[in-house]
Amino acid sequence: MGLKLSLVLGILLVATVSGSVWYIDRLSDQISILKGNQIVLESKVEEQNEAIDNYLAKQQQTQAQLNTLESEKRQAMEDVNRLRKTFARHDLDNLALAKPGLIQSRINKASARVMTTLEELSNPNQFDEKSSTN
């Protein structure tokens, strides 16, 4: 009976050891897979952080441009209001009838200035990079 008991306990011990070795090997494989996943995830997180930093820098640049445009718009509105007040003070119809040469020359000069400015603003090549020659 002692020999049978020793044989059964020996078989159980071998089964336990082999099961433990298999389980440890399986856990080792899982650990290596998880480490690979961790490396991939860390690289993706770095890429996402760089993308966020780029986005924030672009957002700040856009905000600065919007502020510049807003100040230019405010200045233009002040000019428009100033001109409206000037034209409201003068009756150009009566002045044009009384002194047509004076009004005509001023209107022609102003129209030429407006057309030049309009041409500069609507120039499709204004945003092209200019080659710098030293």
Protein backbone atom coordinates (compact mmCIF):
# COMPACT_ATOMS: atom_id res chain seq x y z
CA MET A 1 0.00 0.00 0.00
CA GLY A 2 2.88 2.35 0.72
CA LEU A 3 4.28 1.85 -2.78
CA LYS A 4 0.95 2.63 -4.43
CA LEU A 5 0.55 5.74 -2.32
CA SER A 6 4.07 6.87 -3.19
CA LEU A 7 3.40 6.22 -6.87
CA VAL A 8 0.13 8.20 -6.83
CA LEU A 9 1.75 11.08 -4.93
CA GLY A 10 4.71 11.01 -7.36
CA ILE A 11 2.35 11.16 -10.34
CA LEU A 12 0.42 14.03 -8.72
CA LEU A 13 3.70 15.83 -8.02
CA VAL A 14 4.88 15.41 -11.63
CA ALA A 15 1.46 16.56 -12.92
CA THR A 16 1.54 19.59 -10.64
CA VAL A 17 5.07 20.53 -11.67
CA SER A 18 4.34 20.09 -15.38
CA GLY A 19 1.09 22.08 -15.02
CA SER A 20 2.97 24.84 -13.20
CA VAL A 21 5.65 24.93 -15.92
CA TRP A 22 2.97 25.15 -18.64
CA TYR A 23 1.10 27.91 -16.72
CA ILE A 24 4.29 29.91 -16.11
CA ASP A 25 5.24 29.57 -19.80
CA ARG A 26 1.78 30.79 -20.81
CA LEU A 27 2.05 33.78 -18.44
CA SER A 28 5.50 34.56 -19.84
CA ASP A 29 4.03 34.65 -23.37
CA GLN A 30 1.24 36.93 -22.21
CA ILE A 31 3.75 39.24 -20.52
CA SER A 32 5.79 39.53 -23.73
CA ILE A 33 2.63 40.28 -25.74
CA LEU A 34 1.56 42.91 -23.21
CA LYS A 35 5.02 44.53 -23.27
CA GLY A 36 4.81 44.75 -27.07
CA ASN A 37 1.35 46.31 -26.79
CA GLN A 38 2.67 48.77 -24.21
CA ILE A 39 5.45 49.89 -26.55
CA VAL A 40 2.96 50.41 -29.38
CA LEU A 41 0.59 52.33 -27.11
CA GLU A 42 3.38 54.55 -25.78
CA SER A 43 4.42 55.45 -29.33
CA LYS A 44 0.80 56.23 -30.22
CA VAL A 45 0.44 58.40 -27.11
CA GLU A 46 3.57 60.33 -28.10
CA GLU A 47 2.18 60.84 -31.60
CA GLN A 48 -1.13 62.03 -30.14
CA ASN A 49 0.68 64.44 -27.79
CA GLU A 50 2.67 65.85 -30.72
CA ALA A 51 -0.55 66.24 -32.72
CA ILE A 52 -2.17 68.04 -29.79
CA ASP A 53 0.84 70.35 -29.42
CA ASN A 54 0.76 71.11 -33.16
CA TYR A 55 -2.97 71.77 -32.97
CA LEU A 56 -2.56 74.13 -30.02
CA ALA A 57 0.25 76.01 -31.77
CA LYS A 58 -1.89 76.33 -34.90
CA GLN A 59 -4.82 77.45 -32.76
CA GLN A 60 -2.70 80.18 -31.15
CA GLN A 61 -1.52 81.31 -34.57
CA THR A 62 -5.09 81.39 -35.83
CA GLN A 63 -6.19 83.35 -32.77
CA ALA A 64 -3.41 85.88 -33.36
CA GLN A 65 -4.50 86.26 -36.98
CA LEU A 66 -8.12 86.70 -35.89
CA ASN A 67 -7.07 89.39 -33.42
CA THR A 68 -5.12 91.17 -36.15
CA LEU A 69 -8.08 90.98 -38.53
CA GLU A 70 -10.40 92.20 -35.81
CA SER A 71 -8.22 95.24 -35.13
CA GLU A 72 -8.01 95.95 -38.87
CA LYS A 73 -11.81 95.63 -39.10
CA ARG A 74 -12.21 98.00 -36.16
CA GLN A 75 -9.88 100.52 -37.82
CA ALA A 76 -11.78 100.21 -41.11
CA MET A 77 -15.10 100.75 -39.32
CA GLU A 78 -13.67 103.87 -37.65
CA ASP A 79 -12.61 105.14 -41.08
CA VAL A 80 -16.06 104.39 -42.51
CA ASN A 81 -17.77 106.19 -39.63
CA ARG A 82 -15.40 109.15 -40.00
CA LEU A 83 -16.15 109.36 -43.73
CA ARG A 84 -19.89 109.06 -43.14
CA LYS A 85 -19.73 111.96 -40.70
CA THR A 86 -17.70 113.99 -43.21
CA PHE A 87 -20.15 113.29 -46.03
CA ALA A 88 -23.09 113.99 -43.73
CA ARG A 89 -21.67 117.46 -43.01
CA HIS A 90 -21.25 118.35 -46.70
CA ASP A 91 -23.97 118.55 -49.28
CA LEU A 92 -22.10 117.19 -52.30
CA ASP A 93 -25.01 117.71 -54.69
CA ASN A 94 -25.02 121.47 -54.22
CA LEU A 95 -21.22 121.61 -54.23
CA ALA A 96 -21.04 119.56 -57.45
CA LEU A 97 -23.54 121.87 -59.12
CA ALA A 98 -21.69 124.96 -57.93
CA LYS A 99 -18.10 123.78 -58.60
CA PRO A 100 -18.13 120.72 -60.89
CA GLY A 101 -14.40 120.84 -61.77
CA LEU A 102 -13.32 120.77 -58.14
CA ILE A 103 -15.55 117.82 -57.26
CA GLN A 104 -14.76 115.91 -60.45
CA SER A 105 -10.99 116.01 -59.94
CA ARG A 106 -11.30 114.89 -56.32
CA ILE A 107 -13.69 112.08 -57.17
CA ASN A 108 -11.42 110.90 -59.99
CA LYS A 109 -8.36 110.85 -57.69
CA ALA A 110 -10.28 109.01 -54.98
CA SER A 111 -11.69 106.52 -57.50
CA ALA A 112 -8.19 105.83 -58.82
CA ARG A 113 -6.95 105.23 -55.26
CA VAL A 114 -9.84 102.88 -54.55
CA MET A 115 -9.24 100.93 -57.76
CA THR A 116 -5.52 100.60 -57.01
CA THR A 117 -6.26 99.36 -53.52
CA LEU A 118 -8.89 96.96 -54.86
CA GLU A 119 -6.43 95.59 -57.41
CA GLU A 120 -3.83 95.06 -54.67
CA LEU A 121 -6.34 93.29 -52.45
CA SER A 122 -7.67 91.06 -55.22
CA ASN A 123 -4.24 90.14 -56.62
CA PRO A 124 -4.12 86.32 -56.70
CA ASN A 125 -0.31 86.33 -56.41
CA GLN A 126 -0.16 88.38 -53.21
CA PHE A 127 0.27 85.30 -51.01
CA ASP A 128 2.98 83.65 -53.10
CA GLU A 129 6.36 83.43 -51.46
CA LYS A 130 8.63 86.14 -52.71
CA SER A 131 12.11 85.03 -53.57
CA SER A 132 14.63 86.91 -51.51
CA THR A 133 17.67 88.00 -53.48
CA ASN A 134 20.59 89.37 -51.55
